[in-house]
């Protein structure tokens, strides 16, 4: 397995499931991040499967699969910067022999402080689901100095919501 690691990524944990009796094969996933003067596709898909696996296809049945999904920028987009403002985050899946389909959309807001931190490689921004508010609450998470070598590439937005 070869994995190109870039400085910017979006991480989500989600439950994927199929309503089809026979299940479905997902051959690819990607994320579009849309904001003021931004329409960026994070098209390198990596997911957890007893270790990170570059998007190599995934079979989903009715019981579903809950896993971590990492979406990275291609090397050609290494100058991308997160800016303050409102974003629409769209998650797409591509089923075998079909065009990509949007399966999820979420509105998010990135503050000026969050954009500065994430672009300086000093932190990640987490969006955690708050059930009583039915909304995502964001916070900055700074990595400890000891983890810098391992997590050098983890400049990211993270979106988590409990599995249903």
N, C-alpha and C. Protein backbone atom coordinates (compact mmCIF):
# COMPACT_ATOMS: atom_id res chain seq x y z
N UNK A 1 0.85 -1.18 0.00
CA UNK A 1 0.00 0.00 0.00
C UNK A 1 0.88 1.23 0.00
N UNK A 2 0.53 2.20 -0.83
CA UNK A 2 1.23 3.47 -0.87
C UNK A 2 0.26 4.55 -0.46
N UNK A 3 0.70 5.42 0.40
CA UNK A 3 -0.17 6.49 0.88
C UNK A 3 0.59 7.80 0.84
N UNK A 4 0.12 8.73 0.03
CA UNK A 4 0.69 10.07 0.00
C UNK A 4 0.01 10.87 1.10
N UNK A 5 0.79 11.44 1.96
CA UNK A 5 0.24 12.22 3.05
C UNK A 5 0.38 13.69 2.72
N UNK A 6 -0.73 14.43 2.82
CA UNK A 6 -0.71 15.86 2.56
C UNK A 6 -0.96 16.61 3.86
N UNK A 7 -0.78 17.89 3.81
CA UNK A 7 -0.94 18.71 5.02
C UNK A 7 -2.39 18.95 5.42
N UNK A 8 -3.31 18.89 4.49
CA UNK A 8 -4.70 19.18 4.79
C UNK A 8 -5.55 17.93 4.57
N UNK A 9 -6.47 17.70 5.50
CA UNK A 9 -7.40 16.59 5.32
C UNK A 9 -8.67 16.85 6.08
N UNK A 10 -9.71 16.10 5.72
CA UNK A 10 -10.98 16.10 6.44
C UNK A 10 -11.21 14.67 6.88
N UNK A 11 -11.56 14.51 8.13
CA UNK A 11 -11.77 13.19 8.72
C UNK A 11 -13.21 13.11 9.19
N UNK A 12 -13.89 12.02 8.86
CA UNK A 12 -15.22 11.78 9.41
C UNK A 12 -15.31 10.33 9.88
N UNK A 13 -16.12 10.12 10.86
CA UNK A 13 -16.47 8.76 11.29
C UNK A 13 -17.96 8.63 11.01
N UNK A 14 -18.31 7.58 10.30
CA UNK A 14 -19.71 7.45 9.92
C UNK A 14 -20.10 5.98 9.76
N UNK A 15 -21.39 5.75 9.82
CA UNK A 15 -21.96 4.43 9.54
C UNK A 15 -22.50 4.47 8.12
N UNK A 16 -21.96 3.63 7.27
CA UNK A 16 -22.49 3.46 5.92
C UNK A 16 -23.32 2.20 5.91
N UNK A 17 -24.51 2.26 5.31
CA UNK A 17 -25.35 1.07 5.23
C UNK A 17 -26.09 1.07 3.90
N UNK A 18 -26.60 -0.07 3.53
CA UNK A 18 -27.32 -0.22 2.27
C UNK A 18 -28.75 -0.65 2.55
N UNK A 19 -29.69 -0.11 1.79
CA UNK A 19 -31.09 -0.55 1.90
C UNK A 19 -31.38 -1.70 0.96
N UNK A 20 -30.40 -2.03 0.10
CA UNK A 20 -30.55 -3.13 -0.85
C UNK A 20 -30.37 -4.47 -0.13
N UNK A 21 -31.18 -5.45 -0.47
CA UNK A 21 -31.04 -6.77 0.14
C UNK A 21 -29.68 -7.39 -0.17
N UNK A 22 -29.16 -7.11 -1.37
CA UNK A 22 -27.89 -7.70 -1.79
C UNK A 22 -26.68 -6.86 -1.38
N UNK A 23 -26.89 -5.68 -0.83
CA UNK A 23 -25.78 -4.80 -0.47
C UNK A 23 -25.30 -4.02 -1.68
N UNK A 24 -24.22 -3.27 -1.47
CA UNK A 24 -23.70 -2.42 -2.53
C UNK A 24 -22.18 -2.31 -2.39
N UNK A 25 -21.49 -2.20 -3.52
CA UNK A 25 -20.05 -2.00 -3.53
C UNK A 25 -19.75 -0.53 -3.78
N UNK A 26 -19.06 0.10 -2.85
CA UNK A 26 -18.61 1.47 -3.04
C UNK A 26 -17.20 1.40 -3.58
N UNK A 27 -16.99 2.00 -4.75
CA UNK A 27 -15.65 1.97 -5.33
C UNK A 27 -14.86 3.22 -5.02
N UNK A 28 -15.55 4.28 -4.59
CA UNK A 28 -14.82 5.50 -4.26
C UNK A 28 -15.70 6.42 -3.42
N UNK A 29 -15.05 7.30 -2.67
CA UNK A 29 -15.73 8.35 -1.92
C UNK A 29 -14.90 9.61 -2.04
N UNK A 30 -15.55 10.76 -1.93
CA UNK A 30 -14.84 12.03 -1.87
C UNK A 30 -15.69 13.06 -1.15
N UNK A 31 -15.06 14.17 -0.80
CA UNK A 31 -15.74 15.26 -0.12
C UNK A 31 -15.54 16.53 -0.91
N UNK A 32 -16.61 17.32 -1.01
CA UNK A 32 -16.52 18.67 -1.56
C UNK A 32 -16.71 19.64 -0.39
N UNK A 33 -15.84 20.62 -0.32
CA UNK A 33 -15.94 21.67 0.68
C UNK A 33 -16.21 22.96 -0.08
N UNK A 34 -17.37 23.54 0.16
CA UNK A 34 -17.80 24.71 -0.60
C UNK A 34 -18.00 25.88 0.37
N UNK A 35 -17.36 26.98 0.06
CA UNK A 35 -17.47 28.19 0.86
C UNK A 35 -17.27 29.40 -0.02
N UNK A 36 -17.17 30.57 0.60
CA UNK A 36 -16.96 31.80 -0.16
C UNK A 36 -15.65 31.68 -0.94
N UNK A 37 -15.73 31.75 -2.24
CA UNK A 37 -14.57 31.64 -3.14
C UNK A 37 -13.82 30.32 -3.02
N UNK A 38 -14.49 29.29 -2.47
CA UNK A 38 -13.85 27.97 -2.33
C UNK A 38 -14.81 26.90 -2.83
N UNK A 39 -14.29 26.04 -3.67
CA UNK A 39 -15.00 24.83 -4.09
C UNK A 39 -13.92 23.77 -4.25
N UNK A 40 -13.56 23.14 -3.13
CA UNK A 40 -12.41 22.23 -3.09
C UNK A 40 -12.86 20.79 -2.92
N UNK A 41 -12.33 19.91 -3.76
CA UNK A 41 -12.62 18.48 -3.65
C UNK A 41 -11.46 17.79 -2.96
N UNK A 42 -11.76 17.04 -1.91
CA UNK A 42 -10.79 16.19 -1.22
C UNK A 42 -11.03 14.79 -1.77
N UNK A 43 -10.23 14.41 -2.77
CA UNK A 43 -10.55 13.22 -3.55
C UNK A 43 -9.70 11.99 -3.25
N UNK A 44 -8.76 12.10 -2.34
CA UNK A 44 -7.99 10.91 -1.96
C UNK A 44 -8.65 10.34 -0.71
N UNK A 45 -9.20 9.14 -0.85
CA UNK A 45 -9.99 8.51 0.22
C UNK A 45 -9.18 7.39 0.86
N UNK A 46 -9.08 7.46 2.18
CA UNK A 46 -8.40 6.44 2.97
C UNK A 46 -9.33 6.10 4.13
N UNK A 47 -9.47 4.82 4.43
CA UNK A 47 -10.36 4.45 5.54
C UNK A 47 -9.68 3.41 6.43
N UNK A 48 -10.24 3.25 7.63
CA UNK A 48 -9.72 2.29 8.60
C UNK A 48 -10.32 0.93 8.33
N UNK A 49 -9.44 -0.05 8.24
CA UNK A 49 -9.84 -1.44 8.08
C UNK A 49 -8.73 -2.26 8.70
N UNK A 50 -8.64 -2.24 10.03
CA UNK A 50 -7.50 -2.84 10.74
C UNK A 50 -6.21 -2.20 10.24
N UNK A 51 -6.17 -0.91 10.24
CA UNK A 51 -5.07 -0.13 9.70
C UNK A 51 -5.60 0.67 8.53
N UNK A 52 -4.91 1.73 8.16
CA UNK A 52 -5.37 2.57 7.07
C UNK A 52 -5.23 1.86 5.73
N UNK A 53 -6.28 1.96 4.92
CA UNK A 53 -6.31 1.37 3.59
C UNK A 53 -6.71 2.47 2.61
N UNK A 54 -5.94 2.63 1.56
CA UNK A 54 -6.32 3.61 0.55
C UNK A 54 -7.59 3.12 -0.13
N UNK A 55 -8.55 4.02 -0.36
CA UNK A 55 -9.85 3.68 -0.92
C UNK A 55 -9.76 2.65 -2.02
N UNK A 56 -10.07 1.44 -1.69
CA UNK A 56 -9.90 0.33 -2.62
C UNK A 56 -11.21 -0.40 -2.85
N UNK A 57 -12.29 0.21 -2.46
CA UNK A 57 -13.58 -0.43 -2.59
C UNK A 57 -14.03 -0.99 -1.25
N UNK A 58 -15.32 -0.97 -1.05
CA UNK A 58 -15.87 -1.36 0.24
C UNK A 58 -17.26 -1.96 -0.01
N UNK A 59 -17.51 -3.15 0.53
CA UNK A 59 -18.83 -3.75 0.41
C UNK A 59 -19.65 -3.36 1.63
N UNK A 60 -20.85 -2.83 1.37
CA UNK A 60 -21.74 -2.40 2.43
C UNK A 60 -23.03 -3.20 2.34
N UNK A 61 -23.42 -3.84 3.45
CA UNK A 61 -24.69 -4.57 3.46
C UNK A 61 -25.69 -3.86 4.36
N UNK A 62 -26.82 -4.49 4.61
CA UNK A 62 -27.89 -3.86 5.41
C UNK A 62 -27.46 -3.54 6.83
N UNK A 63 -26.56 -4.35 7.40
CA UNK A 63 -26.13 -4.08 8.77
C UNK A 63 -25.14 -2.93 8.84
N UNK A 64 -24.50 -2.60 7.72
CA UNK A 64 -23.64 -1.43 7.64
C UNK A 64 -22.24 -1.64 8.17
N UNK A 65 -21.42 -0.63 7.94
CA UNK A 65 -20.04 -0.62 8.42
C UNK A 65 -19.76 0.75 9.02
N UNK A 66 -19.30 0.74 10.24
CA UNK A 66 -18.92 1.97 10.91
C UNK A 66 -17.39 2.07 10.88
N UNK A 67 -16.86 3.14 10.28
CA UNK A 67 -15.41 3.27 10.20
C UNK A 67 -15.00 4.73 10.06
N UNK A 68 -13.69 4.93 10.15
CA UNK A 68 -13.11 6.25 9.98
C UNK A 68 -12.78 6.45 8.51
N UNK A 69 -13.06 7.63 8.00
CA UNK A 69 -12.77 7.96 6.61
C UNK A 69 -11.95 9.24 6.59
N UNK A 70 -10.83 9.19 5.89
CA UNK A 70 -9.92 10.33 5.78
C UNK A 70 -9.95 10.78 4.32
N UNK A 71 -10.11 12.07 4.10
CA UNK A 71 -10.15 12.62 2.75
C UNK A 71 -9.02 13.64 2.63
N UNK A 72 -8.12 13.38 1.70
CA UNK A 72 -6.92 14.19 1.53
C UNK A 72 -6.97 14.94 0.21
N UNK A 73 -6.19 16.00 0.15
CA UNK A 73 -6.02 16.74 -1.09
C UNK A 73 -4.95 16.09 -1.95
N UNK A 74 -5.10 16.19 -3.26
CA UNK A 74 -4.00 15.73 -4.12
C UNK A 74 -2.80 16.67 -3.97
N UNK A 75 -1.62 16.18 -4.30
CA UNK A 75 -0.41 17.00 -4.19
C UNK A 75 -0.53 18.32 -4.94
N UNK A 76 -1.24 18.31 -6.05
CA UNK A 76 -1.38 19.52 -6.87
C UNK A 76 -2.13 20.65 -6.16
N UNK A 77 -2.82 20.35 -5.06
CA UNK A 77 -3.57 21.36 -4.32
C UNK A 77 -2.91 21.68 -2.97
N UNK A 78 -1.61 21.59 -2.90
CA UNK A 78 -0.91 21.77 -1.63
C UNK A 78 -0.98 23.21 -1.11
N UNK A 79 -1.39 24.17 -1.94
CA UNK A 79 -1.48 25.56 -1.50
C UNK A 79 -2.84 25.91 -0.91
N UNK A 80 -3.74 24.95 -0.83
CA UNK A 80 -5.08 25.20 -0.29
C UNK A 80 -4.99 25.71 1.15
N UNK A 81 -5.80 26.72 1.47
CA UNK A 81 -5.88 27.26 2.83
C UNK A 81 -7.34 27.28 3.27
N UNK A 82 -7.56 26.88 4.52
CA UNK A 82 -8.87 27.04 5.12
C UNK A 82 -9.01 28.50 5.50
N UNK A 83 -10.15 29.12 5.16
CA UNK A 83 -10.37 30.51 5.51
C UNK A 83 -11.59 30.61 6.42
N UNK A 84 -11.66 31.69 7.15
CA UNK A 84 -12.79 31.95 8.02
C UNK A 84 -14.07 32.00 7.19
N UNK A 85 -15.14 31.45 7.74
CA UNK A 85 -16.42 31.56 7.06
C UNK A 85 -17.29 30.33 7.15
N UNK A 86 -18.37 30.37 6.40
CA UNK A 86 -19.34 29.28 6.35
C UNK A 86 -19.00 28.33 5.22
N UNK A 87 -19.21 27.05 5.49
CA UNK A 87 -18.91 26.01 4.51
C UNK A 87 -20.07 25.04 4.42
N UNK A 88 -20.23 24.48 3.22
CA UNK A 88 -21.08 23.31 3.02
C UNK A 88 -20.12 22.15 2.80
N UNK A 89 -20.22 21.13 3.62
CA UNK A 89 -19.42 19.92 3.46
C UNK A 89 -20.33 18.87 2.85
N UNK A 90 -19.95 18.34 1.69
CA UNK A 90 -20.76 17.35 1.00
C UNK A 90 -19.96 16.06 0.85
N UNK A 91 -20.59 14.94 1.24
CA UNK A 91 -19.95 13.62 1.14
C UNK A 91 -20.58 12.88 -0.04
N UNK A 92 -19.72 12.35 -0.92
CA UNK A 92 -20.17 11.63 -2.10
C UNK A 92 -19.65 10.20 -2.08
N UNK A 93 -20.47 9.27 -2.57
CA UNK A 93 -20.04 7.90 -2.78
C UNK A 93 -20.22 7.57 -4.26
N UNK A 94 -19.35 6.71 -4.75
CA UNK A 94 -19.47 6.24 -6.12
C UNK A 94 -19.63 4.73 -6.07
N UNK A 95 -20.83 4.30 -6.42
CA UNK A 95 -21.14 2.88 -6.47
C UNK A 95 -20.69 2.35 -7.82
N UNK A 96 -20.30 1.10 -7.89
CA UNK A 96 -19.84 0.50 -9.14
C UNK A 96 -20.85 0.77 -10.26
N UNK A 97 -20.35 1.24 -11.39
CA UNK A 97 -21.13 1.52 -12.60
C UNK A 97 -22.17 2.64 -12.44
N UNK A 98 -21.95 3.55 -11.49
CA UNK A 98 -22.86 4.68 -11.32
C UNK A 98 -22.06 5.95 -11.08
N UNK A 99 -22.69 7.08 -11.33
CA UNK A 99 -22.07 8.38 -11.09
C UNK A 99 -22.04 8.64 -9.59
N UNK A 100 -21.10 9.47 -9.12
CA UNK A 100 -21.06 9.80 -7.69
C UNK A 100 -22.40 10.40 -7.22
N UNK A 101 -22.79 10.02 -6.01
CA UNK A 101 -24.05 10.48 -5.43
C UNK A 101 -23.78 11.13 -4.08
N UNK A 102 -24.35 12.30 -3.87
CA UNK A 102 -24.21 12.97 -2.57
C UNK A 102 -25.06 12.23 -1.55
N UNK A 103 -24.42 11.79 -0.46
CA UNK A 103 -25.16 11.05 0.57
C UNK A 103 -25.31 11.85 1.87
N UNK A 104 -24.58 12.96 1.98
CA UNK A 104 -24.64 13.71 3.22
C UNK A 104 -24.18 15.14 2.94
N UNK A 105 -24.81 16.08 3.63
CA UNK A 105 -24.41 17.48 3.54
C UNK A 105 -24.53 18.11 4.92
N UNK A 106 -23.57 18.94 5.26
CA UNK A 106 -23.58 19.60 6.57
C UNK A 106 -23.03 21.00 6.43
N UNK A 107 -23.69 21.95 7.06
CA UNK A 107 -23.20 23.33 7.11
C UNK A 107 -22.30 23.47 8.33
N UNK A 108 -21.15 24.11 8.13
CA UNK A 108 -20.18 24.31 9.20
C UNK A 108 -19.67 25.73 9.15
N UNK A 109 -19.16 26.22 10.28
CA UNK A 109 -18.57 27.55 10.33
C UNK A 109 -17.17 27.44 10.92
N UNK A 110 -16.22 28.09 10.28
CA UNK A 110 -14.84 28.12 10.74
C UNK A 110 -14.52 29.55 11.16
N UNK A 111 -14.09 29.73 12.42
CA UNK A 111 -13.76 31.06 12.91
C UNK A 111 -12.39 31.50 12.42
N UNK A 112 -12.10 32.79 12.58
CA UNK A 112 -10.79 33.32 12.18
C UNK A 112 -9.68 32.63 12.95
N UNK A 113 -9.84 32.48 14.28
CA UNK A 113 -8.82 31.81 15.10
C UNK A 113 -8.60 30.37 14.65
N UNK A 114 -9.69 29.67 14.33
CA UNK A 114 -9.57 28.28 13.88
C UNK A 114 -8.83 28.20 12.55
N UNK A 115 -9.13 29.10 11.63
CA UNK A 115 -8.45 29.07 10.33
C UNK A 115 -6.97 29.38 10.48
N UNK A 116 -6.62 30.30 11.37
CA UNK A 116 -5.20 30.62 11.61
C UNK A 116 -4.47 29.41 12.17
N UNK A 117 -5.05 28.79 13.19
CA UNK A 117 -4.44 27.63 13.83
C UNK A 117 -4.24 26.47 12.85
N UNK A 118 -5.27 26.17 12.08
CA UNK A 118 -5.20 25.02 11.18
C UNK A 118 -4.20 25.27 10.04
N UNK A 119 -4.12 26.50 9.56
CA UNK A 119 -3.19 26.82 8.47
C UNK A 119 -1.75 26.95 8.93
N UNK A 120 -1.54 27.13 10.23
CA UNK A 120 -0.18 27.20 10.79
C UNK A 120 0.32 25.83 11.24
N UNK A 121 -0.41 24.78 10.92
CA UNK A 121 -0.03 23.41 11.30
C UNK A 121 0.06 23.21 12.80
N UNK A 122 -0.65 24.02 13.57
CA UNK A 122 -0.53 23.90 15.01
C UNK A 122 -1.72 23.20 15.67
N UNK A 123 -2.79 22.94 14.90
CA UNK A 123 -3.98 22.35 15.51
C UNK A 123 -4.92 21.79 14.45
N UNK A 124 -5.89 21.06 14.94
CA UNK A 124 -7.00 20.61 14.12
C UNK A 124 -8.27 21.22 14.68
N UNK A 125 -9.31 21.26 13.88
CA UNK A 125 -10.59 21.78 14.34
C UNK A 125 -11.58 20.62 14.34
N UNK A 126 -12.20 20.40 15.47
CA UNK A 126 -13.17 19.33 15.63
C UNK A 126 -14.58 19.91 15.65
N UNK A 127 -15.49 19.22 15.00
CA UNK A 127 -16.91 19.56 15.05
C UNK A 127 -17.61 18.36 15.68
N UNK A 128 -18.03 18.51 16.92
CA UNK A 128 -18.66 17.41 17.66
C UNK A 128 -20.17 17.63 17.73
N UNK A 129 -20.90 16.54 17.51
CA UNK A 129 -22.35 16.58 17.54
C UNK A 129 -22.84 16.81 18.96
N UNK A 130 -23.75 17.77 19.13
CA UNK A 130 -24.37 18.07 20.41
C UNK A 130 -25.85 17.74 20.30
N UNK A 131 -26.27 16.56 20.80
CA UNK A 131 -27.65 16.10 20.59
C UNK A 131 -28.72 17.05 21.11
N UNK A 132 -28.50 17.64 22.28
CA UNK A 132 -29.53 18.51 22.85
C UNK A 132 -29.73 19.78 22.03
N UNK A 133 -28.73 20.18 21.26
CA UNK A 133 -28.83 21.36 20.41
C UNK A 133 -29.10 20.99 18.95
N UNK A 134 -28.94 19.69 18.63
CA UNK A 134 -29.08 19.21 17.26
C UNK A 134 -28.20 20.03 16.31
N UNK A 135 -26.95 20.22 16.75
CA UNK A 135 -25.99 21.01 15.97
C UNK A 135 -24.57 20.56 16.30
N UNK A 136 -23.63 20.97 15.46
CA UNK A 136 -22.22 20.70 15.71
C UNK A 136 -21.61 21.87 16.46
N UNK A 137 -20.82 21.57 17.47
CA UNK A 137 -20.06 22.56 18.21
C UNK A 137 -18.59 22.36 17.85
N UNK A 138 -17.90 23.44 17.56
CA UNK A 138 -16.51 23.31 17.13
C UNK A 138 -15.55 23.71 18.24
N UNK A 139 -14.36 23.13 18.18
CA UNK A 139 -13.28 23.53 19.08
C UNK A 139 -11.95 23.20 18.44
N UNK A 140 -10.93 23.93 18.87
CA UNK A 140 -9.57 23.71 18.38
C UNK A 140 -8.91 22.67 19.27
N UNK A 141 -8.20 21.73 18.65
CA UNK A 141 -7.46 20.72 19.39
C UNK A 141 -6.00 20.82 18.98
N UNK A 142 -5.17 21.25 19.93
CA UNK A 142 -3.74 21.36 19.66
C UNK A 142 -3.06 20.06 20.03
N UNK A 143 -2.21 19.60 19.13
CA UNK A 143 -1.49 18.34 19.36
C UNK A 143 -0.35 18.58 20.35
N UNK A 144 -0.12 17.62 21.23
CA UNK A 144 1.03 17.73 22.13
C UNK A 144 2.33 17.69 21.34
N UNK A 145 3.34 18.35 21.83
CA UNK A 145 4.65 18.39 21.17
C UNK A 145 5.20 16.99 20.92
N UNK A 146 4.99 16.06 21.83
CA UNK A 146 5.54 14.70 21.70
C UNK A 146 5.00 13.97 20.47
N UNK A 147 3.80 14.34 20.02
CA UNK A 147 3.19 13.65 18.89
C UNK A 147 3.46 14.32 17.55
N UNK A 148 4.24 15.39 17.54
CA UNK A 148 4.43 16.14 16.31
C UNK A 148 4.97 15.30 15.17
N UNK A 149 5.92 14.42 15.43
CA UNK A 149 6.51 13.64 14.35
C UNK A 149 5.46 12.72 13.71
N UNK A 150 4.67 12.04 14.51
CA UNK A 150 3.65 11.12 14.01
C UNK A 150 2.52 11.90 13.35
N UNK A 151 2.09 12.96 13.98
CA UNK A 151 0.91 13.67 13.51
C UNK A 151 1.25 14.92 12.70
N UNK A 152 2.43 14.97 12.13
CA UNK A 152 2.86 16.14 11.38
C UNK A 152 1.89 16.54 10.28
N UNK A 153 1.18 15.57 9.71
CA UNK A 153 0.28 15.83 8.59
C UNK A 153 -1.15 16.10 9.01
N UNK A 154 -1.44 16.11 10.30
CA UNK A 154 -2.83 16.16 10.74
C UNK A 154 -3.39 17.57 10.88
N UNK A 155 -3.31 18.33 9.84
CA UNK A 155 -3.96 19.63 9.80
C UNK A 155 -5.31 19.36 9.17
N UNK A 156 -6.36 19.37 9.96
CA UNK A 156 -7.61 18.83 9.45
C UNK A 156 -8.83 19.43 10.09
N UNK A 157 -9.94 19.19 9.46
CA UNK A 157 -11.26 19.41 10.03
C UNK A 157 -11.78 18.03 10.41
N UNK A 158 -12.38 17.89 11.57
CA UNK A 158 -12.92 16.60 11.96
C UNK A 158 -14.39 16.76 12.29
N UNK A 159 -15.19 15.86 11.76
CA UNK A 159 -16.62 15.88 11.96
C UNK A 159 -17.02 14.54 12.54
N UNK A 160 -17.55 14.53 13.77
CA UNK A 160 -17.97 13.27 14.37
C UNK A 160 -19.42 13.35 14.80
N UNK A 161 -20.12 12.27 14.60
CA UNK A 161 -21.51 12.15 15.04
C UNK A 161 -21.69 10.71 15.45
N UNK A 162 -22.34 10.46 16.57
CA UNK A 162 -22.50 9.07 17.02
C UNK A 162 -23.20 8.23 15.95
N UNK A 163 -22.79 6.96 15.86
CA UNK A 163 -23.43 6.03 14.94
C UNK A 163 -24.86 5.81 15.37
N UNK A 164 -25.74 5.65 14.40
CA UNK A 164 -27.16 5.43 14.73
C UNK A 164 -27.46 3.97 14.73
